[in-house]
C-alpha atoms as a PDB file:
ATOM      1  CA  MET A   1     111.825  68.238 119.644  1.00  0.00           C
ATOM      2  CA  LYS A   2     110.073  71.137 120.396  1.00  0.00           C
ATOM      3  CA  SER A   3     108.017  72.459 117.715  1.00  0.00           C
ATOM      4  CA  THR A   4     108.026  76.436 117.030  1.00  0.00           C
ATOM      5  CA  SER A   5     105.055  76.922 114.500  1.00  0.00           C
ATOM      6  CA  LYS A   6     101.700  75.640 113.752  1.00  0.00           C
ATOM      7  CA  GLN A   7     102.788  74.041 110.338  1.00  0.00           C
ATOM      8  CA  THR A   8     105.785  72.286 111.852  1.00  0.00           C
ATOM      9  CA  LEU A   9     103.870  71.262 114.944  1.00  0.00           C
ATOM     10  CA  ALA A  10     101.050  69.485 112.336  1.00  0.00           C
ATOM     11  CA  THR A  11     103.566  67.956 110.185  1.00  0.00           C
ATOM     12  CA  ASP A  12     105.418  66.521 113.346  1.00  0.00           C
ATOM     13  CA  LEU A  13     101.858  65.061 114.412  1.00  0.00           C
ATOM     14  CA  VAL A  14     101.197  63.763 111.055  1.00  0.00           C
ATOM     15  CA  THR A  15     104.358  62.046 110.994  1.00  0.00           C
ATOM     16  CA  LEU A  16     103.815  60.593 114.708  1.00  0.00           C
ATOM     17  CA  LYS A  17     100.532  59.176 113.631  1.00  0.00           C
ATOM     18  CA  THR A  18     101.839  57.444 110.707  1.00  0.00           C
ATOM     19  CA  GLY A  19     104.691  56.037 112.855  1.00  0.00           C
ATOM     20  CA  LEU A  20     102.300  54.634 115.566  1.00  0.00           C
ATOM     21  CA  THR A  21      99.905  53.036 112.959  1.00  0.00           C
ATOM     22  CA  ALA A  22     103.172  51.580 111.075  1.00  0.00           C
ATOM     23  CA  ASN A  23     105.211  50.305 114.200  1.00  0.00           C
ATOM     24  CA  LEU A  24     102.460  49.417 116.954  1.00  0.00           C
ATOM     25  CA  THR A  25      99.336  47.011 116.741  1.00  0.00           C
ATOM     26  CA  ALA A  26      95.937  48.315 117.497  1.00  0.00           C
ATOM     27  CA  GLY A  27      96.147  45.961 120.780  1.00  0.00           C
ATOM     28  CA  GLU A  28      99.061  47.329 122.481  1.00  0.00           C
ATOM     29  CA  THR A  29      98.935  49.736 125.316  1.00  0.00           C
ATOM     30  CA  ILE A  30     101.389  52.489 126.006  1.00  0.00           C
ATOM     31  CA  ILE A  31     101.941  53.999 129.533  1.00  0.00           C
ATOM     32  CA  LEU A  32     102.410  57.880 128.925  1.00  0.00           C
ATOM     33  CA  GLY A  33     102.429  60.151 131.925  1.00  0.00           C
ATOM     34  CA  GLY A  34     100.886  57.633 134.437  1.00  0.00           C
ATOM     35  CA  ALA A  35      98.141  56.901 132.150  1.00  0.00           C
ATOM     36  CA  THR A  36      97.387  54.083 130.169  1.00  0.00           C
ATOM     37  CA  TYR A  37      96.659  54.404 126.118  1.00  0.00           C
ATOM     38  CA  THR A  38      95.936  52.337 123.171  1.00  0.00           C
ATOM     39  CA  VAL A  39      97.392  53.315 119.756  1.00  0.00           C
ATOM     40  CA  PRO A  40      93.639  53.880 118.299  1.00  0.00           C
ATOM     41  CA  GLN A  41      93.481  56.133 121.378  1.00  0.00           C
ATOM     42  CA  LEU A  42      96.642  58.213 120.640  1.00  0.00           C
ATOM     43  CA  THR A  43      96.060  58.488 116.813  1.00  0.00           C
ATOM     44  CA  ALA A  44      92.305  59.784 117.903  1.00  0.00           C
ATOM     45  CA  ALA A  45      93.979  62.286 120.225  1.00  0.00           C
ATOM     46  CA  ILE A  46      96.324  63.238 117.450  1.00  0.00           C
ATOM     47  CA  ASP A  47      93.325  63.677 115.147  1.00  0.00           C
ATOM     48  CA  GLY A  48      91.619  65.883 117.340  1.00  0.00           C
ATOM     49  CA  PHE A  49      94.728  68.251 117.644  1.00  0.00           C
ATOM     50  CA  LEU A  50      94.821  68.522 113.802  1.00  0.00           C
ATOM     51  CA  ALA A  51      90.945  68.962 113.408  1.00  0.00           C
ATOM     52  CA  GLU A  52      91.436  72.048 115.983  1.00  0.00           C
ATOM     53  CA  GLN A  53      94.544  73.148 113.828  1.00  0.00           C
ATOM     54  CA  ALA A  54      92.421  72.996 110.693  1.00  0.00           C
ATOM     55  CA  LYS A  55      89.290  74.899 112.202  1.00  0.00           C
ATOM     56  CA  THR A  56      91.684  77.645 113.318  1.00  0.00           C
ATOM     57  CA  VAL A  57      93.195  77.766 109.429  1.00  0.00           C
ATOM     58  CA  THR A  58      89.690  77.744 107.948  1.00  0.00           C
ATOM     59  CA  ALA A  59      88.598  80.651 110.244  1.00  0.00           C
ATOM     60  CA  LYS A  60      91.686  82.513 109.136  1.00  0.00           C
ATOM     61  CA  ASN A  61      90.939  81.895 105.543  1.00  0.00           C
ATOM     62  CA  ALA A  62      87.388  82.931 106.211  1.00  0.00           C
ATOM     63  CA  TYR A  63      88.926  86.187 108.159  1.00  0.00           C
ATOM     64  CA  THR A  64      90.930  87.058 105.287  1.00  0.00           C
ATOM     65  CA  VAL A  65      88.011  86.747 102.793  1.00  0.00           C
ATOM     66  CA  ALA A  66      85.787  88.742 105.009  1.00  0.00           C
ATOM     67  CA  VAL A  67      88.524  91.551 105.222  1.00  0.00           C
ATOM     68  CA  ALA A  68      88.912  91.662 101.687  1.00  0.00           C
ATOM     69  CA  ASN A  69      85.116  92.012 101.077  1.00  0.00           C
ATOM     70  CA  GLU A  70      85.012  94.641 104.094  1.00  0.00           C
ATOM     71  CA  LYS A  71      87.502  96.631 102.066  1.00  0.00           C
ATOM     72  CA  ALA A  72      85.750  96.512  98.723  1.00  0.00           C
ATOM     73  CA  SER A  73      82.690  97.282 100.667  1.00  0.00           C
ATOM     74  CA  ASN A  74      84.156 100.254 102.517  1.00  0.00           C
ATOM     75  CA  ALA A  75      85.355 101.390  98.844  1.00  0.00           C
ATOM     76  CA  SER A  76      81.820 101.333  97.667  1.00  0.00           C
ATOM     77  CA  ALA A  77      80.279 102.816 100.736  1.00  0.00           C
ATOM     78  CA  ARG A  78      82.751 105.726 100.609  1.00  0.00           C
ATOM     79  CA  ALA A  79      82.110 106.372  97.016  1.00  0.00           C
ATOM     80  CA  LEU A  80      78.284 106.469  97.580  1.00  0.00           C
ATOM     81  CA  ARG A  81      78.579 108.726 100.579  1.00  0.00           C
ATOM     82  CA  SER A  82      80.683 111.303  98.562  1.00  0.00           C
ATOM     83  CA  LEU A  83      78.183 111.314  95.972  1.00  0.00           C
ATOM     84  CA  LEU A  84      75.378 111.759  98.404  1.00  0.00           C
ATOM     85  CA  GLN A  85      77.526 114.559  99.824  1.00  0.00           C
ATOM     86  CA  GLY A  86      77.663 116.168  96.735  1.00  0.00           C
ATOM     87  CA  TYR A  87      74.109 116.086  95.993  1.00  0.00           C
ATOM     88  CA  ALA A  88      72.999 117.366  99.435  1.00  0.00           C
ATOM     89  CA  SER A  89      75.467 120.206  98.863  1.00  0.00           C
ATOM     90  CA  THR A  90      74.167 121.151  95.567  1.00  0.00           C
ATOM     91  CA  ARG A  91      70.517 120.864  96.852  1.00  0.00           C
ATOM     92  CA  TYR A  92      70.764 122.573 100.079  1.00  0.00           C
ATOM     93  CA  GLY A  93      73.885 124.878  99.711  1.00  0.00           C
ATOM     94  CA  LYS A  94      77.365 124.035 100.866  1.00  0.00           C
ATOM     95  CA  ASP A  95      76.899 126.086 103.921  1.00  0.00           C
ATOM     96  CA  ASN A  96      73.377 124.929 104.884  1.00  0.00           C
ATOM     97  CA  PRO A  97      73.077 123.560 108.483  1.00  0.00           C
ATOM     98  CA  ILE A  98      70.734 120.998 107.205  1.00  0.00           C
ATOM     99  CA  LEU A  99      73.784 119.160 105.948  1.00  0.00           C
ATOM    100  CA  SER A 100      74.651 117.945 109.452  1.00  0.00           C
ATOM    101  CA  GLN A 101      71.506 116.014 109.709  1.00  0.00           C
ATOM    102  CA  PHE A 102      72.964 113.965 106.900  1.00  0.00           C
ATOM    103  CA  GLY A 103      76.436 113.714 108.772  1.00  0.00           C
ATOM    104  CA  PHE A 104      77.902 116.315 106.494  1.00  0.00           C
ATOM    105  CA  PRO A 105      79.562 119.126 107.978  1.00  0.00           C
ATOM    106  CA  PRO A 106      78.631 122.472 106.439  1.00  0.00           C
ATOM    107  CA  ALA A 107      81.610 124.428 104.430  1.00  0.00           C
ATOM    108  CA  ASN A 108      83.318 126.704 106.388  1.00  0.00           C
ATOM    109  CA  PRO A 109      83.286 130.335 105.087  1.00  0.00           C
ATOM    110  CA  LYS A 110      86.536 131.287 103.152  1.00  0.00           C
ATOM    111  CA  LYS A 111      88.542 133.456 104.710  1.00  0.00           C
ATOM    112  CA  PRO A 112      89.590 136.698 102.171  1.00  0.00           C
ATOM    113  CA  SER A 113      93.291 136.624 101.510  1.00  0.00           C
ATOM    114  CA  THR A 114      95.505 139.554 102.842  1.00  0.00           C
ATOM    115  CA  ALA A 115      95.582 141.236  99.558  1.00  0.00           C
ATOM    116  CA  VAL A 116      91.822 141.071  99.411  1.00  0.00           C
ATOM    117  CA  LYS A 117      91.627 142.817 102.762  1.00  0.00           C
ATOM    118  CA  ALA A 118      94.337 145.232 101.733  1.00  0.00           C
ATOM    119  CA  VAL A 119      91.959 146.009  98.741  1.00  0.00           C
ATOM    120  CA  ALA A 120      88.919 146.589 100.734  1.00  0.00           C
ATOM    121  CA  VAL A 121      90.790 149.049 102.874  1.00  0.00           C
ATOM    122  CA  LEU A 122      91.927 151.021  99.805  1.00  0.00           C
ATOM    123  CA  LYS A 123      88.471 150.926  98.705  1.00  0.00           C
ATOM    124  CA  ASN A 124      86.902 152.021 101.716  1.00  0.00           C
ATOM    125  CA  LYS A 125      89.074 155.026 102.074  1.00  0.00           C
ATOM    126  CA  ALA A 126      88.756 156.130  98.604  1.00  0.00           C
ATOM    127  CA  THR A 127      84.873 155.772  99.098  1.00  0.00           C
ATOM    128  CA  ARG A 128      84.951 158.043 102.268  1.00  0.00           C
ATOM    129  CA  ALA A 129      87.103 160.563 100.493  1.00  0.00           C
ATOM    130  CA  ASP A 130      84.590 160.755  97.402  1.00  0.00           C
ATOM    131  CA  ARG A 131      81.732 160.842  99.414  1.00  0.00           C
ATOM    132  CA  GLY A 132      83.035 163.653 102.225  1.00  0.00           C
ATOM    133  CA  THR A 133      82.307 161.219 105.225  1.00  0.00           C
ATOM    134  CA  THR A 134      84.312 161.300 108.265  1.00  0.00           C
ATOM    135  CA  GLY A 135      84.801 159.358 111.280  1.00  0.00           C
ATOM    136  CA  LYS A 136      83.144 159.843 114.769  1.00  0.00           C
ATOM    137  CA  ALA A 137      86.141 161.978 115.994  1.00  0.00           C
ATOM    138  CA  ALA A 138      85.825 164.444 113.112  1.00  0.00           C
ATOM    139  CA  LYS A 139      82.102 164.438 113.302  1.00  0.00           C
ATOM    140  CA  ALA A 140      82.484 165.636 116.751  1.00  0.00           C
ATOM    141  CA  LYS A 141      84.669 168.631 116.037  1.00  0.00           C
ATOM    142  CA  ILE A 142      82.347 169.978 113.313  1.00  0.00           C
ATOM    143  CA  LYS A 143      79.933 172.550 115.297  1.00  0.00           C
ATOM    144  CA  GLY A 144      77.350 174.379 113.413  1.00  0.00           C
ATOM    145  CA  SER A 145      76.578 178.182 113.828  1.00  0.00           C
ATOM    146  CA  VAL A 146      73.071 179.695 113.984  1.00  0.00           C
ATOM    147  CA  ASP A 147      72.486 183.248 112.814  1.00  0.00           C
ATOM    148  CA  PRO A 148      72.047 185.168 116.262  1.00  0.00           C
ATOM    149  CA  SER A 149      68.923 186.819 114.932  1.00  0.00           C
ATOM    150  CA  ILE A 150      67.259 183.382 114.516  1.00  0.00           C
ATOM    151  CA  LEU A 151      68.608 182.247 117.709  1.00  0.00           C
ATOM    152  CA  ALA A 152      67.230 185.242 119.520  1.00  0.00           C
ATOM    153  CA  THR A 153      63.519 185.052 117.841  1.00  0.00           C
ATOM    154  CA  LEU A 154      63.398 181.255 118.672  1.00  0.00           C
ATOM    155  CA  THR A 155      64.636 181.762 122.332  1.00  0.00           C
ATOM    156  CA  GLY A 156      62.451 184.803 122.999  1.00  0.00           C
ATOM    157  CA  GLU A 157      65.349 187.266 123.811  1.00  0.00           C
ATOM    158  CA  ALA A 158      66.528 190.183 122.235  1.00  0.00           C
ATOM    159  CA  PRO A 159      68.918 189.868 119.331  1.00  0.00           C
ATOM    160  CA  PRO A 160      72.444 190.952 120.165  1.00  0.00           C
ATOM    161  CA  ALA A 161      73.074 194.734 118.946  1.00  0.00           C
ATOM    162  CA  PRO A 162      74.952 194.940 115.583  1.00  0.00           C
ATOM    163  CA  ALA A 163      78.530 195.223 115.497  1.00  0.00           C
ATOM    164  CA  ALA A 164      80.532 197.798 114.281  1.00  0.00           C
ATOM    165  CA  GLY A 165      79.864 197.379 110.768  1.00  0.00           C
ATOM    166  CA  GLY A 166      76.332 197.702 111.316  1.00  0.00           C
ATOM    167  CA  ALA A 167      75.273 194.398 109.447  1.00  0.00           C
ATOM    168  CA  PRO A 168      71.770 193.158 110.326  1.00  0.00           C
ATOM    169  CA  ASN A 169      72.901 189.506 110.860  1.00  0.00           C
ATOM    170  CA  GLY A 170      74.928 190.556 114.131  1.00  0.00           C
ATOM    171  CA  GLY A 171      78.101 191.642 112.178  1.00  0.00           C
ATOM    172  CA  THR A 172      79.323 188.274 111.630  1.00  0.00           C
ATOM    173  CA  GLN A 173      79.433 188.375 107.519  1.00  0.00           C
ATOM    174  CA  SER A 174      80.740 191.754 107.783  1.00  0.00           C
ATOM    175  CA  ALA A 175      83.626 190.957 110.559  1.00  0.00           C
ATOM    176  CA  LEU A 176      84.776 188.154 108.104  1.00  0.00           C
ATOM    177  CA  ALA A 177      84.692 190.288 105.029  1.00  0.00           C
ATOM    178  CA  THR A 178      86.583 193.073 106.785  1.00  0.00           C
ATOM    179  CA  ALA A 179      89.190 190.688 108.345  1.00  0.00           C
ATOM    180  CA  ALA A 180      89.559 189.276 104.627  1.00  0.00           C
ATOM    181  CA  HIS A 181      90.509 192.961 103.607  1.00  0.00           C
ATOM    182  CA  ALA A 182      92.464 193.927 106.379  1.00  0.00           C
ATOM    183  CA  GLY A 183      96.249 195.006 106.113  1.00  0.00           C
ATOM    184  CA  PRO A 184      98.968 194.139 108.221  1.00  0.00           C
ATOM    185  CA  THR A 185      98.392 196.936 110.684  1.00  0.00           C
ATOM    186  CA  GLY A 186      94.446 195.913 110.690  1.00  0.00           C
ATOM    187  CA  GLU A 187      93.325 199.080 108.476  1.00  0.00           C
ATOM    188  CA  VAL A 188      90.900 197.943 105.555  1.00  0.00           C
ATOM    189  CA  GLN A 189      92.288 198.124 102.135  1.00  0.00           C
ATOM    190  CA  GLY A 190      90.475 198.546  99.025  1.00  0.00           C
ATOM    191  CA  LYS A 191      87.485 200.063 100.158  1.00  0.00           C
END
């Protein structure tokens, strides 16, 4: 009969040993597989097989206890590590790179939500409108004008001749005033 499990084999070996000692005398010899054995030699061989099985059972039990101890130890270790991570984060800051020296990754900066970004854009536009600031393209379109008489003084050239209005600043103000009061035919009204 073929034994399929360790327990069945152990039970079979114990039964075999009991049968040998109960039914055969110690001085009898048995020929098995071309070798001669006495009953004490056979029972000693069976005891050796059973001892090896007992070792694995003992080792398995010790392993089971060791695994249970390791699980308990790991739970305690994780709790201690978590407490130390909290301490280090509090002491040095959650995003301090020194945390990596303790084996803790620094906290990733939080990304603002879409709503926060939209509010920021609206605030930026409102602030620019209140301050009157413009972007690069709008600033490039703005060109300053200098009074021609001052420009002539600085460059050393003769000031341009006054325009038809005879204004001392080269007629710029007079020309603007005249254009403002001109009628549809170009005639100055109200003067």
